[in-house]
Amino acid sequence: MSKTRELIISPKVPQGQLTKFLLQLQDEKIKTVYLDPKKIDQKKLN
């Protein structure tokens, strides 16, 4: 049985490192991130 958990964080990474940080979250199987879409480069995340 799998438990769903929610983790709320405030990343302390510079704006230029945010895409790399989000890719690391994907690697860790984090499926949902609430964030201002203007702050990320969608092309790099797909």
N, C-alpha and C. Protein backbone atom coordinates (compact mmCIF):
# COMPACT_ATOMS: atom_id res chain seq x y z
N MET A 1 0.84 -1.17 0.00
CA MET A 1 0.00 0.00 0.00
C MET A 1 0.89 1.24 0.00
N SER A 2 0.56 2.17 -0.85
CA SER A 2 1.34 3.39 -1.00
C SER A 2 0.62 4.56 -0.31
N LYS A 3 1.37 5.35 0.42
CA LYS A 3 0.81 6.52 1.08
C LYS A 3 1.15 7.75 0.26
N THR A 4 0.19 8.65 0.15
CA THR A 4 0.42 9.92 -0.52
C THR A 4 0.83 10.93 0.54
N ARG A 5 1.92 11.62 0.26
CA ARG A 5 2.39 12.63 1.20
C ARG A 5 2.55 13.95 0.47
N GLU A 6 2.44 15.03 1.20
CA GLU A 6 2.61 16.36 0.64
C GLU A 6 3.74 17.04 1.40
N LEU A 7 4.65 17.61 0.64
CA LEU A 7 5.78 18.31 1.23
C LEU A 7 5.80 19.72 0.67
N ILE A 8 5.81 20.69 1.53
CA ILE A 8 5.85 22.09 1.10
C ILE A 8 7.23 22.63 1.42
N ILE A 9 7.90 23.13 0.37
CA ILE A 9 9.25 23.65 0.55
C ILE A 9 9.36 25.02 -0.11
N SER A 10 10.34 25.74 0.31
CA SER A 10 10.70 27.01 -0.32
C SER A 10 12.15 26.89 -0.73
N PRO A 11 12.40 26.56 -2.01
CA PRO A 11 13.78 26.34 -2.44
C PRO A 11 14.62 27.60 -2.32
N LYS A 12 15.83 27.41 -1.89
CA LYS A 12 16.76 28.53 -1.72
C LYS A 12 17.83 28.51 -2.82
N VAL A 13 17.39 28.15 -4.03
CA VAL A 13 18.31 28.11 -5.16
C VAL A 13 18.13 29.37 -5.99
N PRO A 14 19.21 29.84 -6.62
CA PRO A 14 19.08 31.01 -7.49
C PRO A 14 18.15 30.72 -8.68
N GLN A 15 17.57 31.76 -9.23
CA GLN A 15 16.65 31.61 -10.35
C GLN A 15 17.26 30.79 -11.49
N GLY A 16 18.53 30.96 -11.77
CA GLY A 16 19.20 30.23 -12.84
C GLY A 16 19.35 28.75 -12.57
N GLN A 17 19.22 28.32 -11.33
CA GLN A 17 19.36 26.91 -10.96
C GLN A 17 18.02 26.23 -10.72
N LEU A 18 16.93 26.97 -10.88
CA LEU A 18 15.61 26.43 -10.57
C LEU A 18 15.24 25.25 -11.47
N THR A 19 15.55 25.33 -12.76
CA THR A 19 15.24 24.23 -13.67
C THR A 19 15.97 22.96 -13.26
N LYS A 20 17.24 23.08 -12.91
CA LYS A 20 18.02 21.92 -12.47
C LYS A 20 17.40 21.33 -11.19
N PHE A 21 17.00 22.18 -10.29
CA PHE A 21 16.37 21.73 -9.05
C PHE A 21 15.08 20.96 -9.34
N LEU A 22 14.26 21.47 -10.25
CA LEU A 22 13.01 20.80 -10.59
C LEU A 22 13.27 19.46 -11.28
N LEU A 23 14.30 19.38 -12.09
CA LEU A 23 14.66 18.10 -12.72
C LEU A 23 15.09 17.08 -11.66
N GLN A 24 15.76 17.54 -10.63
CA GLN A 24 16.15 16.65 -9.54
C GLN A 24 14.92 16.15 -8.79
N LEU A 25 13.92 17.00 -8.64
CA LEU A 25 12.67 16.55 -8.02
C LEU A 25 12.00 15.47 -8.86
N GLN A 26 12.02 15.65 -10.18
CA GLN A 26 11.45 14.63 -11.07
C GLN A 26 12.18 13.31 -10.88
N ASP A 27 13.49 13.36 -10.77
CA ASP A 27 14.27 12.14 -10.56
C ASP A 27 13.88 11.44 -9.26
N GLU A 28 13.45 12.20 -8.29
CA GLU A 28 13.04 11.64 -6.99
C GLU A 28 11.56 11.25 -6.98
N LYS A 29 10.93 11.27 -8.16
CA LYS A 29 9.52 10.86 -8.32
C LYS A 29 8.54 11.82 -7.67
N ILE A 30 8.93 13.08 -7.54
CA ILE A 30 8.00 14.12 -7.07
C ILE A 30 7.12 14.46 -8.25
N LYS A 31 5.81 14.30 -8.10
CA LYS A 31 4.91 14.44 -9.24
C LYS A 31 4.22 15.80 -9.32
N THR A 32 4.07 16.48 -8.21
CA THR A 32 3.34 17.74 -8.20
C THR A 32 4.16 18.83 -7.54
N VAL A 33 4.26 19.95 -8.24
CA VAL A 33 4.97 21.12 -7.71
C VAL A 33 4.09 22.34 -7.97
N TYR A 34 3.83 23.11 -6.94
CA TYR A 34 3.07 24.35 -7.08
C TYR A 34 4.07 25.48 -7.17
N LEU A 35 4.03 26.21 -8.29
CA LEU A 35 5.05 27.21 -8.52
C LEU A 35 4.58 28.18 -9.58
N ASP A 36 5.06 29.38 -9.55
CA ASP A 36 4.73 30.38 -10.56
C ASP A 36 5.28 29.92 -11.91
N PRO A 37 4.43 29.62 -12.89
CA PRO A 37 4.90 29.10 -14.17
C PRO A 37 5.81 30.05 -14.92
N LYS A 38 5.77 31.32 -14.61
CA LYS A 38 6.64 32.30 -15.27
C LYS A 38 8.10 32.11 -14.87
N LYS A 39 8.34 31.39 -13.78
CA LYS A 39 9.70 31.23 -13.26
C LYS A 39 10.45 30.04 -13.83
N ILE A 40 9.76 29.22 -14.64
CA ILE A 40 10.45 28.02 -15.15
C ILE A 40 10.45 28.01 -16.68
N ASP A 41 11.40 27.29 -17.23
CA ASP A 41 11.51 27.10 -18.66
C ASP A 41 10.90 25.74 -18.99
N GLN A 42 9.67 25.73 -19.47
CA GLN A 42 8.94 24.49 -19.74
C GLN A 42 9.69 23.59 -20.73
N LYS A 43 10.38 24.17 -21.70
CA LYS A 43 11.08 23.38 -22.72
C LYS A 43 12.16 22.50 -22.10
N LYS A 44 12.81 22.96 -21.07
CA LYS A 44 13.88 22.20 -20.44
C LYS A 44 13.36 21.07 -19.55
N LEU A 45 12.10 21.16 -19.13
CA LEU A 45 11.55 20.16 -18.22
C LEU A 45 10.90 19.00 -18.94
N ASN A 46 10.63 19.13 -20.21
CA ASN A 46 9.96 18.04 -20.95
C ASN A 46 10.93 17.10 -21.57
